[in-house]
Amino acid sequence: MPTLQDIQYIAEVEFHRLIIDSQPLGDKLRLFLPDGSYIDAWLARRLNNRFGFHWERKHIDGTLYRYDNFPDTDWNRVTTYPYHFHNGSQKNVEASPFAPDALDGFRDFMRFVERKLAT
């Protein structure tokens, strides 16, 4: 089962150009980005393969991006349910373009962040 330390290692090693600092906050890890935004990574301790990755940008441009697999029935119409992607806002939910595995999904999410910051 992956850990927040695994996520932190991936962030700080594989995406070192994006991450200026990281801070464990109880059951989640906060990753700070150069533009003043941050990513919160959460892994369930008791439920196998439950996770969420949230990129908070509301204070910058009003957006947020989150990939998670919480089985919220509001999103059961999404073809990848329970995996889903909040693309720009809480209510704009789409099928997940990311891997369903927590670590590979985190890498995919970070590549998305990298692409968005480059534009």
PDB file of N, CA and C in Angstrom:
ATOM      1  N   MET A   1       0.846  -1.182   0.000  1.00  0.00           N
ATOM      2  CA  MET A   1       0.000   0.000   0.000  1.00  0.00           C
ATOM      3  C   MET A   1       0.895   1.250   0.000  1.00  0.00           C
ATOM      4  N   PRO A   2       0.649   2.197  -0.907  1.00  0.00           N
ATOM      5  CA  PRO A   2       1.499   3.387  -0.974  1.00  0.00           C
ATOM      6  C   PRO A   2       1.326   4.267   0.268  1.00  0.00           C
ATOM      7  N   THR A   3       2.333   5.084   0.517  1.00  0.00           N
ATOM      8  CA  THR A   3       2.323   5.981   1.664  1.00  0.00           C
ATOM      9  C   THR A   3       2.502   7.425   1.194  1.00  0.00           C
ATOM     10  N   LEU A   4       2.239   8.358   2.103  1.00  0.00           N
ATOM     11  CA  LEU A   4       2.497   9.761   1.783  1.00  0.00           C
ATOM     12  C   LEU A   4       3.981  10.011   1.571  1.00  0.00           C
ATOM     13  N   GLN A   5       4.828   9.215   2.201  1.00  0.00           N
ATOM     14  CA  GLN A   5       6.271   9.337   1.973  1.00  0.00           C
ATOM     15  C   GLN A   5       6.613   8.963   0.536  1.00  0.00           C
ATOM     16  N   ASP A   6       5.902   7.971  -0.021  1.00  0.00           N
ATOM     17  CA  ASP A   6       6.097   7.615  -1.435  1.00  0.00           C
ATOM     18  C   ASP A   6       5.706   8.785  -2.333  1.00  0.00           C
ATOM     19  N   ILE A   7       4.578   9.406  -2.021  1.00  0.00           N
ATOM     20  CA  ILE A   7       4.104  10.565  -2.791  1.00  0.00           C
ATOM     21  C   ILE A   7       5.118  11.707  -2.680  1.00  0.00           C
ATOM     22  N   GLN A   8       5.584  11.963  -1.475  1.00  0.00           N
ATOM     23  CA  GLN A   8       6.551  13.034  -1.253  1.00  0.00           C
ATOM     24  C   GLN A   8       7.839  12.781  -2.038  1.00  0.00           C
ATOM     25  N   TYR A   9       8.303  11.545  -2.047  1.00  0.00           N
ATOM     26  CA  TYR A   9       9.508  11.200  -2.794  1.00  0.00           C
ATOM     27  C   TYR A   9       9.307  11.459  -4.294  1.00  0.00           C
ATOM     28  N   ILE A  10       8.195  10.992  -4.824  1.00  0.00           N
ATOM     29  CA  ILE A  10       7.910  11.212  -6.250  1.00  0.00           C
ATOM     30  C   ILE A  10       7.876  12.704  -6.553  1.00  0.00           C
ATOM     31  N   ALA A  11       7.190  13.472  -5.715  1.00  0.00           N
ATOM     32  CA  ALA A  11       7.074  14.916  -5.940  1.00  0.00           C
ATOM     33  C   ALA A  11       8.438  15.594  -5.912  1.00  0.00           C
ATOM     34  N   GLU A  12       9.219  15.293  -4.882  1.00  0.00           N
ATOM     35  CA  GLU A  12      10.487  15.999  -4.695  1.00  0.00           C
ATOM     36  C   GLU A  12      11.602  15.526  -5.618  1.00  0.00           C
ATOM     37  N   VAL A  13      11.511  14.303  -6.112  1.00  0.00           N
ATOM     38  CA  VAL A  13      12.553  13.784  -6.995  1.00  0.00           C
ATOM     39  C   VAL A  13      12.144  13.908  -8.471  1.00  0.00           C
ATOM     40  N   GLU A  14      10.995  13.342  -8.811  1.00  0.00           N
ATOM     41  CA  GLU A  14      10.584  13.326 -10.218  1.00  0.00           C
ATOM     42  C   GLU A  14      10.040  14.668 -10.695  1.00  0.00           C
ATOM     43  N   PHE A  15       9.516  15.478  -9.785  1.00  0.00           N
ATOM     44  CA  PHE A  15       8.919  16.764 -10.153  1.00  0.00           C
ATOM     45  C   PHE A  15       9.571  17.905  -9.374  1.00  0.00           C
ATOM     46  N   HIS A  16      10.861  17.778  -9.139  1.00  0.00           N
ATOM     47  CA  HIS A  16      11.593  18.749  -8.321  1.00  0.00           C
ATOM     48  C   HIS A  16      11.534  20.159  -8.870  1.00  0.00           C
ATOM     49  N   ARG A  17      11.335  20.314 -10.179  1.00  0.00           N
ATOM     50  CA  ARG A  17      11.237  21.656 -10.763  1.00  0.00           C
ATOM     51  C   ARG A  17       9.941  22.353 -10.371  1.00  0.00           C
ATOM     52  N   LEU A  18       8.939  21.571  -9.992  1.00  0.00           N
ATOM     53  CA  LEU A  18       7.633  22.133  -9.626  1.00  0.00           C
ATOM     54  C   LEU A  18       7.479  22.397  -8.136  1.00  0.00           C
ATOM     55  N   ILE A  19       8.169  21.658  -7.322  1.00  0.00           N
ATOM     56  CA  ILE A  19       7.934  21.677  -5.882  1.00  0.00           C
ATOM     57  C   ILE A  19       8.990  22.525  -5.179  1.00  0.00           C
ATOM     58  N   ILE A  20       8.541  23.564  -4.471  1.00  0.00           N
ATOM     59  CA  ILE A  20       9.498  24.386  -3.733  1.00  0.00           C
ATOM     60  C   ILE A  20       9.573  23.986  -2.262  1.00  0.00           C
ATOM     61  N   ASP A  21       8.532  23.289  -1.772  1.00  0.00           N
ATOM     62  CA  ASP A  21       8.547  22.809  -0.395  1.00  0.00           C
ATOM     63  C   ASP A  21       7.423  21.790  -0.231  1.00  0.00           C
ATOM     64  N   SER A  22       7.517  21.001   0.817  1.00  0.00           N
ATOM     65  CA  SER A  22       6.457  20.047   1.147  1.00  0.00           C
ATOM     66  C   SER A  22       6.288  20.014   2.654  1.00  0.00           C
ATOM     67  N   GLN A  23       5.064  19.738   3.069  1.00  0.00           N
ATOM     68  CA  GLN A  23       4.782  19.731   4.500  1.00  0.00           C
ATOM     69  C   GLN A  23       3.728  18.686   4.816  1.00  0.00           C
ATOM     70  N   PRO A  24       4.057  17.702   5.635  1.00  0.00           N
ATOM     71  CA  PRO A  24       3.036  16.756   6.105  1.00  0.00           C
ATOM     72  C   PRO A  24       2.049  17.495   7.013  1.00  0.00           C
ATOM     73  N   LEU A  25       0.764  17.265   6.784  1.00  0.00           N
ATOM     74  CA  LEU A  25      -0.285  17.882   7.593  1.00  0.00           C
ATOM     75  C   LEU A  25      -1.242  16.794   8.068  1.00  0.00           C
ATOM     76  N   GLY A  26      -0.823  16.035   9.037  1.00  0.00           N
ATOM     77  CA  GLY A  26      -1.660  14.952   9.546  1.00  0.00           C
ATOM     78  C   GLY A  26      -1.814  13.858   8.522  1.00  0.00           C
ATOM     79  N   ASP A  27      -3.036  13.685   8.016  1.00  0.00           N
ATOM     80  CA  ASP A  27      -3.305  12.600   7.063  1.00  0.00           C
ATOM     81  C   ASP A  27      -3.155  13.022   5.607  1.00  0.00           C
ATOM     82  N   LYS A  28      -2.556  14.198   5.365  1.00  0.00           N
ATOM     83  CA  LYS A  28      -2.299  14.611   3.987  1.00  0.00           C
ATOM     84  C   LYS A  28      -0.930  15.256   3.896  1.00  0.00           C
ATOM     85  N   LEU A  29      -0.488  15.425   2.664  1.00  0.00           N
ATOM     86  CA  LEU A  29       0.782  16.061   2.370  1.00  0.00           C
ATOM     87  C   LEU A  29       0.495  17.292   1.527  1.00  0.00           C
ATOM     88  N   ARG A  30       1.051  18.424   1.907  1.00  0.00           N
ATOM     89  CA  ARG A  30       0.894  19.646   1.110  1.00  0.00           C
ATOM     90  C   ARG A  30       2.190  19.922   0.364  1.00  0.00           C
ATOM     91  N   LEU A  31       2.045  20.171  -0.933  1.00  0.00           N
ATOM     92  CA  LEU A  31       3.165  20.480  -1.812  1.00  0.00           C
ATOM     93  C   LEU A  31       3.005  21.909  -2.307  1.00  0.00           C
ATOM     94  N   PHE A  32       4.010  22.724  -2.133  1.00  0.00           N
ATOM     95  CA  PHE A  32       3.964  24.133  -2.499  1.00  0.00           C
ATOM     96  C   PHE A  32       4.628  24.342  -3.855  1.00  0.00           C
ATOM     97  N   LEU A  33       3.953  25.104  -4.725  1.00  0.00           N
ATOM     98  CA  LEU A  33       4.442  25.370  -6.068  1.00  0.00           C
ATOM     99  C   LEU A  33       4.918  26.810  -6.187  1.00  0.00           C
ATOM    100  N   PRO A  34       5.785  27.096  -7.155  1.00  0.00           N
ATOM    101  CA  PRO A  34       6.384  28.431  -7.283  1.00  0.00           C
ATOM    102  C   PRO A  34       5.385  29.558  -7.538  1.00  0.00           C
ATOM    103  N   ASP A  35       4.217  29.267  -8.108  1.00  0.00           N
ATOM    104  CA  ASP A  35       3.250  30.324  -8.413  1.00  0.00           C
ATOM    105  C   ASP A  35       2.373  30.688  -7.219  1.00  0.00           C
ATOM    106  N   GLY A  36       2.615  30.072  -6.057  1.00  0.00           N
ATOM    107  CA  GLY A  36       1.813  30.353  -4.868  1.00  0.00           C
ATOM    108  C   GLY A  36       0.657  29.395  -4.673  1.00  0.00           C
ATOM    109  N   SER A  37       0.468  28.480  -5.593  1.00  0.00           N
ATOM    110  CA  SER A  37      -0.572  27.471  -5.440  1.00  0.00           C
ATOM    111  C   SER A  37      -0.002  26.279  -4.675  1.00  0.00           C
ATOM    112  N   TYR A  38      -0.875  25.336  -4.341  1.00  0.00           N
ATOM    113  CA  TYR A  38      -0.409  24.146  -3.636  1.00  0.00           C
ATOM    114  C   TYR A  38      -1.248  22.939  -4.004  1.00  0.00           C
ATOM    115  N   ILE A  39      -0.667  21.781  -3.773  1.00  0.00           N
ATOM    116  CA  ILE A  39      -1.327  20.501  -4.016  1.00  0.00           C
ATOM    117  C   ILE A  39      -1.412  19.767  -2.688  1.00  0.00           C
ATOM    118  N   ASP A  40      -2.599  19.279  -2.370  1.00  0.00           N
ATOM    119  CA  ASP A  40      -2.778  18.403  -1.216  1.00  0.00           C
ATOM    120  C   ASP A  40      -2.946  16.979  -1.729  1.00  0.00           C
ATOM    121  N   ALA A  41      -2.169  16.075  -1.163  1.00  0.00           N
ATOM    122  CA  ALA A  41      -2.259  14.648  -1.504  1.00  0.00           C
ATOM    123  C   ALA A  41      -2.775  13.914  -0.277  1.00  0.00           C
ATOM    124  N   TRP A  42      -3.765  13.074  -0.476  1.00  0.00           N
ATOM    125  CA  TRP A  42      -4.375  12.315   0.606  1.00  0.00           C
ATOM    126  C   TRP A  42      -4.472  10.848   0.212  1.00  0.00           C
ATOM    127  N   LEU A  43      -4.086   9.976   1.118  1.00  0.00           N
ATOM    128  CA  LEU A  43      -4.220   8.533   0.929  1.00  0.00           C
ATOM    129  C   LEU A  43      -4.968   7.977   2.141  1.00  0.00           C
ATOM    130  N   ALA A  44      -6.012   7.190   1.876  1.00  0.00           N
ATOM    131  CA  ALA A  44      -6.766   6.593   2.979  1.00  0.00           C
ATOM    132  C   ALA A  44      -5.892   5.613   3.734  1.00  0.00           C
ATOM    133  N   ARG A  45      -6.028   5.606   5.024  1.00  0.00           N
ATOM    134  CA  ARG A  45      -5.251   4.681   5.853  1.00  0.00           C
ATOM    135  C   ARG A  45      -5.936   3.330   5.977  1.00  0.00           C
ATOM    136  N   ARG A  46      -7.255   3.319   6.012  1.00  0.00           N
ATOM    137  CA  ARG A  46      -7.979   2.073   6.260  1.00  0.00           C
ATOM    138  C   ARG A  46      -8.634   1.479   5.017  1.00  0.00           C
ATOM    139  N   LEU A  47      -8.897   2.294   4.033  1.00  0.00           N
ATOM    140  CA  LEU A  47      -9.530   1.810   2.807  1.00  0.00           C
ATOM    141  C   LEU A  47      -8.466   1.661   1.733  1.00  0.00           C
ATOM    142  N   ASN A  48      -8.342   0.479   1.206  1.00  0.00           N
ATOM    143  CA  ASN A  48      -7.326   0.209   0.201  1.00  0.00           C
ATOM    144  C   ASN A  48      -7.596   0.999  -1.080  1.00  0.00           C
ATOM    145  N   ASN A  49      -6.574   1.650  -1.584  1.00  0.00           N
ATOM    146  CA  ASN A  49      -6.584   2.371  -2.855  1.00  0.00           C
ATOM    147  C   ASN A  49      -7.608   3.509  -2.920  1.00  0.00           C
ATOM    148  N   ARG A  50      -7.862   4.195  -1.820  1.00  0.00           N
ATOM    149  CA  ARG A  50      -8.670   5.430  -1.824  1.00  0.00           C
ATOM    150  C   ARG A  50      -7.703   6.593  -1.689  1.00  0.00           C
ATOM    151  N   PHE A  51      -7.851   7.580  -2.580  1.00  0.00           N
ATOM    152  CA  PHE A  51      -6.918   8.705  -2.587  1.00  0.00           C
ATOM    153  C   PHE A  51      -7.548   9.933  -3.207  1.00  0.00           C
ATOM    154  N   GLY A  52      -6.875  11.049  -3.036  1.00  0.00           N
ATOM    155  CA  GLY A  52      -7.272  12.293  -3.671  1.00  0.00           C
ATOM    156  C   GLY A  52      -6.081  13.212  -3.819  1.00  0.00           C
ATOM    157  N   PHE A  53      -6.019  13.906  -4.945  1.00  0.00           N
ATOM    158  CA  PHE A  53      -4.968  14.882  -5.223  1.00  0.00           C
ATOM    159  C   PHE A  53      -5.660  16.173  -5.638  1.00  0.00           C
ATOM    160  N   HIS A  54      -5.466  17.224  -4.877  1.00  0.00           N
ATOM    161  CA  HIS A  54      -6.194  18.478  -5.044  1.00  0.00           C
ATOM    162  C   HIS A  54      -5.212  19.620  -5.276  1.00  0.00           C
ATOM    163  N   TRP A  55      -5.353  20.301  -6.416  1.00  0.00           N
ATOM    164  CA  TRP A  55      -4.518  21.458  -6.735  1.00  0.00           C
ATOM    165  C   TRP A  55      -5.346  22.707  -6.513  1.00  0.00           C
ATOM    166  N   GLU A  56      -4.999  23.465  -5.508  1.00  0.00           N
ATOM    167  CA  GLU A  56      -5.751  24.664  -5.121  1.00  0.00           C
ATOM    168  C   GLU A  56      -5.172  25.904  -5.769  1.00  0.00           C
ATOM    169  N   ARG A  57      -6.019  26.568  -6.589  1.00  0.00           N
ATOM    170  CA  ARG A  57      -5.620  27.784  -7.294  1.00  0.00           C
ATOM    171  C   ARG A  57      -6.679  28.872  -7.184  1.00  0.00           C
ATOM    172  N   LYS A  58      -7.659  28.686  -6.315  1.00  0.00           N
ATOM    173  CA  LYS A  58      -8.747  29.678  -6.209  1.00  0.00           C
ATOM    174  C   LYS A  58      -8.219  31.073  -5.927  1.00  0.00           C
ATOM    175  N   HIS A  59      -7.206  31.182  -5.084  1.00  0.00           N
ATOM    176  CA  HIS A  59      -6.654  32.483  -4.722  1.00  0.00           C
ATOM    177  C   HIS A  59      -5.835  33.111  -5.854  1.00  0.00           C
ATOM    178  N   ILE A  60      -5.557  32.333  -6.901  1.00  0.00           N
ATOM    179  CA  ILE A  60      -4.787  32.842  -8.039  1.00  0.00           C
ATOM    180  C   ILE A  60      -5.703  33.185  -9.213  1.00  0.00           C
ATOM    181  N   ASP A  61      -6.493  32.208  -9.633  1.00  0.00           N
ATOM    182  CA  ASP A  61      -7.349  32.432 -10.806  1.00  0.00           C
ATOM    183  C   ASP A  61      -8.753  31.843 -10.666  1.00  0.00           C
ATOM    184  N   GLY A  62      -9.119  31.448  -9.451  1.00  0.00           N
ATOM    185  CA  GLY A  62     -10.471  30.932  -9.212  1.00  0.00           C
ATOM    186  C   GLY A  62     -10.665  29.463  -9.533  1.00  0.00           C
ATOM    187  N   THR A  63      -9.593  28.746  -9.872  1.00  0.00           N
ATOM    188  CA  THR A  63      -9.738  27.351 -10.274  1.00  0.00           C
ATOM    189  C   THR A  63      -9.260  26.388  -9.198  1.00  0.00           C
ATOM    190  N   LEU A  64      -9.713  25.162  -9.349  1.00  0.00           N
ATOM    191  CA  LEU A  64      -9.196  24.038  -8.580  1.00  0.00           C
ATOM    192  C   LEU A  64      -9.255  22.819  -9.475  1.00  0.00           C
ATOM    193  N   TYR A  65      -8.376  21.900  -9.218  1.00  0.00           N
ATOM    194  CA  TYR A  65      -8.314  20.642  -9.963  1.00  0.00           C
ATOM    195  C   TYR A  65      -8.158  19.522  -8.947  1.00  0.00           C
ATOM    196  N   ARG A  66      -8.972  18.485  -9.082  1.00  0.00           N
ATOM    197  CA  ARG A  66      -8.853  17.380  -8.132  1.00  0.00           C
ATOM    198  C   ARG A  66      -9.133  16.065  -8.832  1.00  0.00           C
ATOM    199  N   TYR A  67      -8.269  15.125  -8.569  1.00  0.00           N
ATOM    200  CA  TYR A  67      -8.446  13.744  -9.018  1.00  0.00           C
ATOM    201  C   TYR A  67      -8.648  12.914  -7.764  1.00  0.00           C
ATOM    202  N   ASP A  68      -9.775  12.219  -7.692  1.00  0.00           N
ATOM    203  CA  ASP A  68     -10.003  11.359  -6.538  1.00  0.00           C
ATOM    204  C   ASP A  68     -10.886  10.185  -6.932  1.00  0.00           C
ATOM    205  N   ASN A  69     -10.996   9.259  -6.003  1.00  0.00           N
ATOM    206  CA  ASN A  69     -11.844   8.095  -6.249  1.00  0.00           C
ATOM    207  C   ASN A  69     -12.811   7.871  -5.084  1.00  0.00           C
ATOM    208  N   PHE A  70     -13.202   8.974  -4.442  1.00  0.00           N
ATOM    209  CA  PHE A  70     -14.251   8.888  -3.441  1.00  0.00           C
ATOM    210  C   PHE A  70     -15.549   8.563  -4.171  1.00  0.00           C
ATOM    211  N   PRO A  71     -16.272   7.531  -3.749  1.00  0.00           N
ATOM    212  CA  PRO A  71     -17.464   7.097  -4.506  1.00  0.00           C
ATOM    213  C   PRO A  71     -18.681   7.985  -4.277  1.00  0.00           C
ATOM    214  N   ASP A  72     -18.562   9.242  -4.663  1.00  0.00           N
ATOM    215  CA  ASP A  72     -19.663  10.199  -4.539  1.00  0.00           C
ATOM    216  C   ASP A  72     -20.694   9.897  -5.626  1.00  0.00           C
ATOM    217  N   THR A  73     -21.907   9.562  -5.236  1.00  0.00           N
ATOM    218  CA  THR A  73     -22.935   9.169  -6.211  1.00  0.00           C
ATOM    219  C   THR A  73     -23.347  10.320  -7.121  1.00  0.00           C
ATOM    220  N   ASP A  74     -22.989  11.563  -6.779  1.00  0.00           N
ATOM    221  CA  ASP A  74     -23.257  12.678  -7.690  1.00  0.00           C
ATOM    222  C   ASP A  74     -22.491  12.511  -8.998  1.00  0.00           C
ATOM    223  N   TRP A  75     -21.427  11.734  -8.967  1.00  0.00           N
ATOM    224  CA  TRP A  75     -20.578  11.586 -10.147  1.00  0.00           C
ATOM    225  C   TRP A  75     -20.659  10.178 -10.749  1.00  0.00           C
ATOM    226  N   ASN A  76     -21.670   9.401 -10.398  1.00  0.00           N
ATOM    227  CA  ASN A  76     -21.746   8.024 -10.901  1.00  0.00           C
ATOM    228  C   ASN A  76     -22.046   7.946 -12.398  1.00  0.00           C
ATOM    229  N   ARG A  77     -22.370   9.057 -13.031  1.00  0.00           N
ATOM    230  CA  ARG A  77     -22.565   9.085 -14.492  1.00  0.00           C
ATOM    231  C   ARG A  77     -21.233   9.084 -15.245  1.00  0.00           C
ATOM    232  N   VAL A  78     -20.170   9.380 -14.547  1.00  0.00           N
ATOM    233  CA  VAL A  78     -18.839   9.451 -15.151  1.00  0.00           C
ATOM    234  C   VAL A  78     -18.372   8.034 -15.484  1.00  0.00           C
ATOM    235  N   THR A  79     -17.886   7.846 -16.693  1.00  0.00           N
ATOM    236  CA  THR A  79     -17.545   6.493 -17.164  1.00  0.00           C
ATOM    237  C   THR A  79     -16.449   5.818 -16.348  1.00  0.00           C
ATOM    238  N   THR A  80     -15.598   6.587 -15.686  1.00  0.00           N
ATOM    239  CA  THR A  80     -14.513   6.003 -14.893  1.00  0.00           C
ATOM    240  C   THR A  80     -14.864   5.924 -13.399  1.00  0.00           C
ATOM    241  N   TYR A  81     -16.127   6.141 -13.058  1.00  0.00           N
ATOM    242  CA  TYR A  81     -16.576   6.131 -11.653  1.00  0.00           C
ATOM    243  C   TYR A  81     -16.084   4.888 -10.930  1.00  0.00           C
ATOM    244  N   PRO A  82     -15.577   5.017  -9.710  1.00  0.00           N
ATOM    245  CA  PRO A  82     -15.564   6.198  -8.850  1.00  0.00           C
ATOM    246  C   PRO A  82     -14.404   7.154  -9.114  1.00  0.00           C
ATOM    247  N   TYR A  83     -13.505   6.826 -10.010  1.00  0.00           N
ATOM    248  CA  TYR A  83     -12.407   7.718 -10.365  1.00  0.00           C
ATOM    249  C   TYR A  83     -12.974   8.865 -11.189  1.00  0.00           C
ATOM    250  N   HIS A  84     -12.683  10.085 -10.789  1.00  0.00           N
ATOM    251  CA  HIS A  84     -13.210  11.243 -11.512  1.00  0.00           C
ATOM    252  C   HIS A  84     -12.281  12.440 -11.319  1.00  0.00           C
ATOM    253  N   PHE A  85     -12.469  13.427 -12.184  1.00  0.00           N
ATOM    254  CA  PHE A  85     -11.583  14.587 -12.233  1.00  0.00           C
ATOM    255  C   PHE A  85     -12.411  15.860 -12.191  1.00  0.00           C
ATOM    256  N   HIS A  86     -12.155  16.701 -11.194  1.00  0.00           N
ATOM    257  CA  HIS A  86     -12.767  18.024 -11.093  1.00  0.00           C
ATOM    258  C   HIS A  86     -11.853  18.957 -11.895  1.00  0.00           C
ATOM    259  N   ASN A  87     -12.329  19.359 -13.058  1.00  0.00           N
ATOM    260  CA  ASN A  87     -11.490  20.104 -13.999  1.00  0.00           C
ATOM    261  C   ASN A  87     -11.814  21.593 -13.957  1.00  0.00           C
ATOM    262  N   GLY A  88     -11.143  22.309 -13.084  1.00  0.00           N
ATOM    263  CA  GLY A  88     -11.301  23.749 -12.998  1.00  0.00           C
ATOM    264  C   GLY A  88     -12.246  24.218 -11.911  1.00  0.00           C
ATOM    265  N   SER A  89     -13.212  23.368 -11.543  1.00  0.00           N
ATOM    266  CA  SER A  89     -14.150  23.728 -10.483  1.00  0.00           C
ATOM    267  C   SER A  89     -14.703  22.463  -9.830  1.00  0.00           C
ATOM    268  N   GLN A  90     -15.335  22.655  -8.689  1.00  0.00           N
ATOM    269  CA  GLN A  90     -15.928  21.545  -7.954  1.00  0.00           C
ATOM    270  C   GLN A  90     -17.028  20.864  -8.770  1.00  0.00           C
ATOM    271  N   LYS A  91     -17.779  21.630  -9.542  1.00  0.00           N
ATOM    272  CA  LYS A  91     -18.938  21.083 -10.252  1.00  0.00           C
ATOM    273  C   LYS A  91     -18.627  20.574 -11.662  1.00  0.00           C
ATOM    274  N   ASN A  92     -17.494  20.939 -12.217  1.00  0.00           N
ATOM    275  CA  ASN A  92     -17.122  20.479 -13.555  1.00  0.00           C
ATOM    276  C   ASN A  92     -16.366  19.155 -13.419  1.00  0.00           C
ATOM    277  N   VAL A  93     -17.114  18.059 -13.445  1.00  0.00           N
ATOM    278  CA  VAL A  93     -16.532  16.739 -13.200  1.00  0.00           C
ATOM    279  C   VAL A  93     -16.536  15.932 -14.491  1.00  0.00           C
ATOM    280  N   GLU A  94     -15.407  15.304 -14.760  1.00  0.00           N
ATOM    281  CA  GLU A  94     -15.208  14.544 -15.992  1.00  0.00           C
ATOM    282  C   GLU A  94     -14.657  13.154 -15.676  1.00  0.00           C
ATOM    283  N   ALA A  95     -14.671  12.311 -16.691  1.00  0.00           N
ATOM    284  CA  ALA A  95     -14.003  11.013 -16.573  1.00  0.00           C
ATOM    285  C   ALA A  95     -12.527  11.266 -16.295  1.00  0.00           C
ATOM    286  N   SER A  96     -11.949  10.399 -15.516  1.00  0.00           N
ATOM    287  CA  SER A  96     -10.544  10.566 -15.150  1.00  0.00           C
ATOM    288  C   SER A  96      -9.631  10.270 -16.333  1.00  0.00           C
ATOM    289  N   PRO A  97      -8.704  11.213 -16.621  1.00  0.00           N
ATOM    290  CA  PRO A  97      -7.693  10.942 -17.639  1.00  0.00           C
ATOM    291  C   PRO A  97      -6.427  10.337 -17.040  1.00  0.00           C
ATOM    292  N   PHE A  98      -6.464  10.013 -15.735  1.00  0.00           N
ATOM    293  CA  PHE A  98      -5.281   9.572 -15.005  1.00  0.00           C
ATOM    294  C   PHE A  98      -5.367   8.091 -14.649  1.00  0.00           C
ATOM    295  N   ALA A  99      -4.213   7.501 -14.392  1.00  0.00           N
ATOM    296  CA  ALA A  99      -4.144   6.084 -14.003  1.00  0.00           C
ATOM    297  C   ALA A  99      -4.915   5.853 -12.704  1.00  0.00           C
ATOM    298  N   PRO A 100      -5.549   4.680 -12.566  1.00  0.00           N
ATOM    299  CA  PRO A 100      -6.315   4.388 -11.348  1.00  0.00           C
ATOM    300  C   PRO A 100      -5.466   3.978 -10.148  1.00  0.00           C
ATOM    301  N   ASP A 101      -4.224   3.655 -10.364  1.00  0.00           N
ATOM    302  CA  ASP A 101      -3.301   3.330  -9.280  1.00  0.00           C
ATOM    303  C   ASP A 101      -2.861   4.635  -8.613  1.00  0.00           C
ATOM    304  N   ALA A 102      -2.784   4.669  -7.289  1.00  0.00           N
ATOM    305  CA  ALA A 102      -2.474   5.907  -6.571  1.00  0.00           C
ATOM    306  C   ALA A 102      -1.151   6.530  -7.001  1.00  0.00           C
ATOM    307  N   LEU A 103      -0.093   5.763  -7.083  1.00  0.00           N
ATOM    308  CA  LEU A 103       1.210   6.343  -7.423  1.00  0.00           C
ATOM    309  C   LEU A 103       1.292   6.763  -8.878  1.00  0.00           C
ATOM    310  N   ASP A 104       0.832   5.904  -9.786  1.00  0.00           N
ATOM    311  CA  ASP A 104       0.835   6.276 -11.203  1.00  0.00           C
ATOM    312  C   ASP A 104      -0.158   7.408 -11.459  1.00  0.00           C
ATOM    313  N   GLY A 105      -1.283   7.389 -10.757  1.00  0.00           N
ATOM    314  CA  GLY A 105      -2.258   8.471 -10.875  1.00  0.00           C
ATOM    315  C   GLY A 105      -1.687   9.791 -10.392  1.00  0.00           C
ATOM    316  N   PHE A 106      -0.899   9.746  -9.320  1.00  0.00           N
ATOM    317  CA  PHE A 106      -0.250  10.960  -8.840  1.00  0.00           C
ATOM    318  C   PHE A 106       0.746  11.482  -9.876  1.00  0.00           C
ATOM    319  N   ARG A 107       1.512  10.592 -10.459  1.00  0.00           N
ATOM    320  CA  ARG A 107       2.456  11.021 -11.505  1.00  0.00           C
ATOM    321  C   ARG A 107       1.706  11.670 -12.673  1.00  0.00           C
ATOM    322  N   ASP A 108       0.616  11.046 -13.108  1.00  0.00           N
ATOM    323  CA  ASP A 108      -0.181  11.618 -14.197  1.00  0.00           C
ATOM    324  C   ASP A 108      -0.729  12.993 -13.810  1.00  0.00           C
ATOM    325  N   PHE A 109      -1.220  13.114 -12.575  1.00  0.00           N
ATOM    326  CA  PHE A 109      -1.754  14.387 -12.093  1.00  0.00           C
ATOM    327  C   PHE A 109      -0.658  15.444 -12.089  1.00  0.00           C
ATOM    328  N   MET A 110       0.525  15.088 -11.648  1.00  0.00           N
ATOM    329  CA  MET A 110       1.636  16.039 -11.625  1.00  0.00           C
ATOM    330  C   MET A 110       2.057  16.444 -13.037  1.00  0.00           C
ATOM    331  N   ARG A 111       1.983  15.527 -13.980  1.00  0.00           N
ATOM    332  CA  ARG A 111       2.277  15.889 -15.385  1.00  0.00           C
ATOM    333  C   ARG A 111       1.236  16.885 -15.897  1.00  0.00           C
ATOM    334  N   PHE A 112      -0.013  16.701 -15.491  1.00  0.00           N
ATOM    335  CA  PHE A 112      -1.067  17.650 -15.840  1.00  0.00           C
ATOM    336  C   PHE A 112      -0.731  19.033 -15.270  1.00  0.00           C
ATOM    337  N   VAL A 113      -0.357  19.083 -13.999  1.00  0.00           N
ATOM    338  CA  VAL A 113       0.027  20.345 -13.357  1.00  0.00           C
ATOM    339  C   VAL A 113       1.186  20.984 -14.116  1.00  0.00           C
ATOM    340  N   GLU A 114       2.166  20.197 -14.445  1.00  0.00           N
ATOM    341  CA  GLU A 114       3.335  20.677 -15.179  1.00  0.00           C
ATOM    342  C   GLU A 114       2.929  21.314 -16.511  1.00  0.00           C
ATOM    343  N   ARG A 115       2.044  20.633 -17.249  1.00  0.00           N
ATOM    344  CA  ARG A 115       1.574  21.168 -18.542  1.00  0.00           C
ATOM    345  C   ARG A 115       0.798  22.472 -18.350  1.00  0.00           C
ATOM    346  N   LYS A 116      -0.071  22.515 -17.339  1.00  0.00           N
ATOM    347  CA  LYS A 116      -0.878  23.718 -17.097  1.00  0.00           C
ATOM    348  C   LYS A 116       0.011  24.912 -16.731  1.00  0.00           C
ATOM    349  N   LEU A 117       1.018  24.669 -15.929  1.00  0.00           N
ATOM    350  CA  LEU A 117       1.899  25.760 -15.521  1.00  0.00           C
ATOM    351  C   LEU A 117       2.764  26.259 -16.685  1.00  0.00           C
ATOM    352  N   ALA A 118       2.998  25.404 -17.667  1.00  0.00           N
ATOM    353  CA  ALA A 118       3.829  25.783 -18.818  1.00  0.00           C
ATOM    354  C   ALA A 118       3.066  26.653 -19.829  1.00  0.00           C
ATOM    355  N   THR A 119       1.748  26.667 -19.711  1.00  0.00           N
ATOM    356  CA  THR A 119       0.963  27.457 -20.684  1.00  0.00           C
ATOM    357  C   THR A 119       0.721  28.869 -20.231  1.00  0.00           C
TER     358      THR A 119
END
